[in-house]
Structure formats: structure tokens, C-alpha cells
Amino acid sequence: MSRGRTLHGMSTEAGPADPACPDCDGPLTSGGMLLARREEDSRRVCRVVLRCAGRHVWWRWSDRPEGALERCPYPQLF
């Protein structure tokens, strides 16, 4: 069984709780985090960027891990 890369103690391998890509059903791996201002509450919160082997890029709010995935509007940056 192959292992995902490890960066600062965090594995990039998809685990059982990791979501599948809504477009192709492939496993999503972490592509990093970025700080953004959330309009609904004006808080600065990180967004987790997730991507699949099919080059689909998604993100969600880091403080809402069960929240819906949103298509990242800037896939070329990741």
C-alpha cells in the first residue's frame, strides 16, 4: 500500500473521512490553506483547499469541516 507525502506531520493521503470529488468521485487531497474574510460574519477564517487527480479544485471553511465543498473560483492558483 502506498503512503501519501507527509508535510509537517500532516499526511496528504486521503483517509476514510476525506470527501470524494463531487465531479469525478476521486479522492481529494489537501492543497493547503489560505486566509479569507467570510462575508456572513466578517471573520477572518482559513479555507482548506482540496484537489483531486482530475484537476478539480474545491474549498471549504476550516472551522466547518462538515460544511459543503465549494468549487474554488481560482483553480489556476493551486
N, C-alpha and C. Protein backbone atom coordinates (compact mmCIF):
# COMPACT_ATOMS: atom_id res chain seq x y z
N MET A 1 0.85 -1.17 0.00
CA MET A 1 0.00 0.00 0.00
C MET A 1 0.90 1.23 0.00
N SER A 2 0.64 2.18 -0.88
CA SER A 2 1.46 3.38 -0.94
C SER A 2 0.98 4.39 0.09
N ARG A 3 1.89 5.18 0.55
CA ARG A 3 1.60 6.21 1.53
C ARG A 3 1.62 7.58 0.88
N GLY A 4 0.81 8.48 1.37
CA GLY A 4 0.84 9.86 0.90
C GLY A 4 2.06 10.58 1.46
N ARG A 5 2.40 11.70 0.88
CA ARG A 5 3.51 12.50 1.37
C ARG A 5 3.14 13.07 2.74
N THR A 6 4.16 13.38 3.53
CA THR A 6 3.93 13.99 4.82
C THR A 6 4.58 15.35 4.84
N LEU A 7 3.86 16.35 5.26
CA LEU A 7 4.35 17.71 5.34
C LEU A 7 4.05 18.23 6.73
N HIS A 8 5.08 18.50 7.49
CA HIS A 8 4.92 19.00 8.86
C HIS A 8 3.98 18.12 9.68
N GLY A 9 4.13 16.82 9.54
CA GLY A 9 3.33 15.89 10.33
C GLY A 9 1.94 15.64 9.81
N MET A 10 1.57 16.26 8.69
CA MET A 10 0.23 16.07 8.11
C MET A 10 0.34 15.23 6.85
N SER A 11 -0.42 14.18 6.77
CA SER A 11 -0.41 13.32 5.59
C SER A 11 -1.27 13.92 4.49
N THR A 12 -0.82 13.75 3.24
CA THR A 12 -1.61 14.21 2.11
C THR A 12 -2.42 13.06 1.51
N GLU A 13 -2.35 11.90 2.14
CA GLU A 13 -3.11 10.76 1.66
C GLU A 13 -4.56 10.89 2.10
N ALA A 14 -5.49 10.58 1.20
CA ALA A 14 -6.90 10.65 1.55
C ALA A 14 -7.22 9.57 2.57
N GLY A 15 -7.99 9.93 3.56
CA GLY A 15 -8.38 8.99 4.59
C GLY A 15 -9.86 8.68 4.48
N PRO A 16 -10.37 7.81 5.36
CA PRO A 16 -11.78 7.41 5.27
C PRO A 16 -12.75 8.57 5.49
N ALA A 17 -12.35 9.60 6.23
CA ALA A 17 -13.25 10.73 6.48
C ALA A 17 -13.12 11.81 5.41
N ASP A 18 -12.13 11.68 4.53
CA ASP A 18 -11.95 12.69 3.50
C ASP A 18 -13.02 12.56 2.42
N PRO A 19 -13.49 13.69 1.93
CA PRO A 19 -14.55 13.64 0.92
C PRO A 19 -14.03 13.21 -0.44
N ALA A 20 -14.95 12.78 -1.27
CA ALA A 20 -14.63 12.45 -2.65
C ALA A 20 -14.96 13.66 -3.51
N CYS A 21 -14.32 13.77 -4.65
CA CYS A 21 -14.57 14.87 -5.57
C CYS A 21 -16.01 14.78 -6.08
N PRO A 22 -16.78 15.86 -5.96
CA PRO A 22 -18.16 15.84 -6.45
C PRO A 22 -18.26 15.67 -7.97
N ASP A 23 -17.20 16.03 -8.71
CA ASP A 23 -17.24 15.89 -10.17
C ASP A 23 -16.89 14.50 -10.66
N CYS A 24 -15.82 13.90 -10.09
CA CYS A 24 -15.35 12.61 -10.63
C CYS A 24 -15.31 11.49 -9.60
N ASP A 25 -15.67 11.77 -8.35
CA ASP A 25 -15.70 10.80 -7.26
C ASP A 25 -14.31 10.30 -6.86
N GLY A 26 -13.24 10.96 -7.34
CA GLY A 26 -11.88 10.60 -6.95
C GLY A 26 -11.57 11.15 -5.57
N PRO A 27 -10.55 10.60 -4.92
CA PRO A 27 -10.18 11.09 -3.59
C PRO A 27 -9.61 12.51 -3.66
N LEU A 28 -9.95 13.31 -2.68
CA LEU A 28 -9.43 14.67 -2.59
C LEU A 28 -8.26 14.70 -1.62
N THR A 29 -7.22 15.45 -1.96
CA THR A 29 -6.08 15.64 -1.08
C THR A 29 -5.94 17.12 -0.78
N SER A 30 -5.33 17.40 0.35
CA SER A 30 -5.17 18.78 0.77
C SER A 30 -4.21 19.52 -0.15
N GLY A 31 -4.60 20.72 -0.54
CA GLY A 31 -3.74 21.57 -1.36
C GLY A 31 -3.28 22.78 -0.59
N GLY A 32 -3.54 22.81 0.73
CA GLY A 32 -3.10 23.91 1.56
C GLY A 32 -4.26 24.67 2.16
N MET A 33 -3.92 25.82 2.74
CA MET A 33 -4.91 26.68 3.37
C MET A 33 -4.63 28.12 2.98
N LEU A 34 -5.68 28.94 3.01
CA LEU A 34 -5.49 30.36 2.78
C LEU A 34 -6.43 31.13 3.67
N LEU A 35 -6.00 32.31 4.07
CA LEU A 35 -6.79 33.15 4.95
C LEU A 35 -7.73 34.03 4.13
N ALA A 36 -9.00 34.06 4.50
CA ALA A 36 -10.00 34.84 3.76
C ALA A 36 -10.99 35.45 4.75
N ARG A 37 -11.66 36.48 4.31
CA ARG A 37 -12.70 37.09 5.13
C ARG A 37 -14.04 36.51 4.71
N ARG A 38 -14.77 35.97 5.70
CA ARG A 38 -16.07 35.39 5.42
C ARG A 38 -17.10 36.51 5.49
N GLU A 39 -17.87 36.70 4.43
CA GLU A 39 -18.83 37.80 4.33
C GLU A 39 -19.95 37.72 5.36
N GLU A 40 -20.44 36.53 5.65
CA GLU A 40 -21.61 36.40 6.52
C GLU A 40 -21.37 36.85 7.96
N ASP A 41 -20.12 36.75 8.45
CA ASP A 41 -19.85 37.17 9.83
C ASP A 41 -18.62 38.08 9.95
N SER A 42 -18.05 38.47 8.82
CA SER A 42 -16.88 39.37 8.77
C SER A 42 -15.66 38.84 9.52
N ARG A 43 -15.60 37.54 9.74
CA ARG A 43 -14.45 36.94 10.41
C ARG A 43 -13.39 36.56 9.40
N ARG A 44 -12.13 36.61 9.84
CA ARG A 44 -11.03 36.10 9.03
C ARG A 44 -10.84 34.64 9.40
N VAL A 45 -11.05 33.77 8.44
CA VAL A 45 -11.03 32.33 8.67
C VAL A 45 -10.28 31.67 7.51
N CYS A 46 -9.58 30.59 7.81
CA CYS A 46 -8.87 29.86 6.75
C CYS A 46 -9.84 29.03 5.92
N ARG A 47 -9.52 28.92 4.65
CA ARG A 47 -10.21 27.99 3.76
C ARG A 47 -9.25 26.85 3.47
N VAL A 48 -9.74 25.62 3.54
CA VAL A 48 -8.97 24.44 3.19
C VAL A 48 -9.18 24.19 1.70
N VAL A 49 -8.08 24.09 0.96
CA VAL A 49 -8.14 23.83 -0.48
C VAL A 49 -7.93 22.34 -0.69
N LEU A 50 -8.82 21.72 -1.45
CA LEU A 50 -8.76 20.28 -1.75
C LEU A 50 -8.77 20.08 -3.25
N ARG A 51 -8.01 19.10 -3.71
CA ARG A 51 -8.00 18.82 -5.15
C ARG A 51 -7.90 17.32 -5.40
N CYS A 52 -8.29 16.93 -6.60
CA CYS A 52 -8.23 15.52 -6.99
C CYS A 52 -7.26 15.36 -8.16
N ALA A 53 -7.02 14.12 -8.53
CA ALA A 53 -6.11 13.85 -9.65
C ALA A 53 -6.69 14.36 -10.97
N GLY A 54 -8.00 14.56 -11.02
CA GLY A 54 -8.64 15.07 -12.23
C GLY A 54 -8.57 16.58 -12.36
N ARG A 55 -7.77 17.22 -11.49
CA ARG A 55 -7.55 18.67 -11.51
C ARG A 55 -8.77 19.50 -11.12
N HIS A 56 -9.68 18.91 -10.41
CA HIS A 56 -10.81 19.66 -9.88
C HIS A 56 -10.37 20.24 -8.53
N VAL A 57 -10.66 21.51 -8.29
CA VAL A 57 -10.22 22.19 -7.07
C VAL A 57 -11.45 22.68 -6.31
N TRP A 58 -11.50 22.34 -5.03
CA TRP A 58 -12.62 22.68 -4.15
C TRP A 58 -12.06 23.33 -2.90
N TRP A 59 -12.91 24.03 -2.16
CA TRP A 59 -12.51 24.55 -0.85
C TRP A 59 -13.69 24.58 0.07
N ARG A 60 -13.38 24.71 1.37
CA ARG A 60 -14.41 24.86 2.40
C ARG A 60 -13.79 25.59 3.58
N TRP A 61 -14.63 26.10 4.46
CA TRP A 61 -14.15 26.82 5.62
C TRP A 61 -13.52 25.83 6.60
N SER A 62 -12.35 26.16 7.14
CA SER A 62 -11.64 25.23 8.02
C SER A 62 -12.37 25.03 9.35
N ASP A 63 -13.15 26.01 9.78
CA ASP A 63 -13.88 25.85 11.04
C ASP A 63 -15.22 25.16 10.84
N ARG A 64 -15.50 24.72 9.64
CA ARG A 64 -16.73 23.99 9.32
C ARG A 64 -16.39 22.73 8.51
N PRO A 65 -15.69 21.75 9.14
CA PRO A 65 -15.24 20.58 8.39
C PRO A 65 -16.36 19.75 7.77
N GLU A 66 -17.53 19.84 8.33
CA GLU A 66 -18.67 19.10 7.76
C GLU A 66 -19.44 19.95 6.76
N GLY A 67 -18.98 21.18 6.53
CA GLY A 67 -19.66 22.08 5.59
C GLY A 67 -19.51 21.62 4.14
N ALA A 68 -20.33 22.19 3.31
CA ALA A 68 -20.33 21.83 1.90
C ALA A 68 -19.05 22.27 1.20
N LEU A 69 -18.61 21.47 0.26
CA LEU A 69 -17.49 21.87 -0.59
C LEU A 69 -17.98 22.88 -1.61
N GLU A 70 -17.17 23.87 -1.87
CA GLU A 70 -17.50 24.86 -2.90
C GLU A 70 -16.43 24.80 -3.97
N ARG A 71 -16.84 24.96 -5.21
CA ARG A 71 -15.86 24.98 -6.29
C ARG A 71 -14.97 26.22 -6.10
N CYS A 72 -13.67 26.01 -6.13
CA CYS A 72 -12.73 27.12 -5.96
C CYS A 72 -12.75 27.98 -7.23
N PRO A 73 -12.98 29.29 -7.09
CA PRO A 73 -13.04 30.14 -8.27
C PRO A 73 -11.67 30.49 -8.85
N TYR A 74 -10.60 30.05 -8.19
CA TYR A 74 -9.23 30.35 -8.65
C TYR A 74 -8.38 29.09 -8.78
N PRO A 75 -8.82 28.08 -9.54
CA PRO A 75 -8.09 26.81 -9.58
C PRO A 75 -6.66 26.95 -10.12
N GLN A 76 -6.41 27.93 -10.96
CA GLN A 76 -5.08 28.10 -11.53
C GLN A 76 -4.04 28.49 -10.48
N LEU A 77 -4.49 29.00 -9.32
CA LEU A 77 -3.56 29.37 -8.26
C LEU A 77 -3.09 28.15 -7.44
N PHE A 78 -3.80 27.03 -7.58
CA PHE A 78 -3.46 25.85 -6.80
C PHE A 78 -3.13 24.71 -7.70
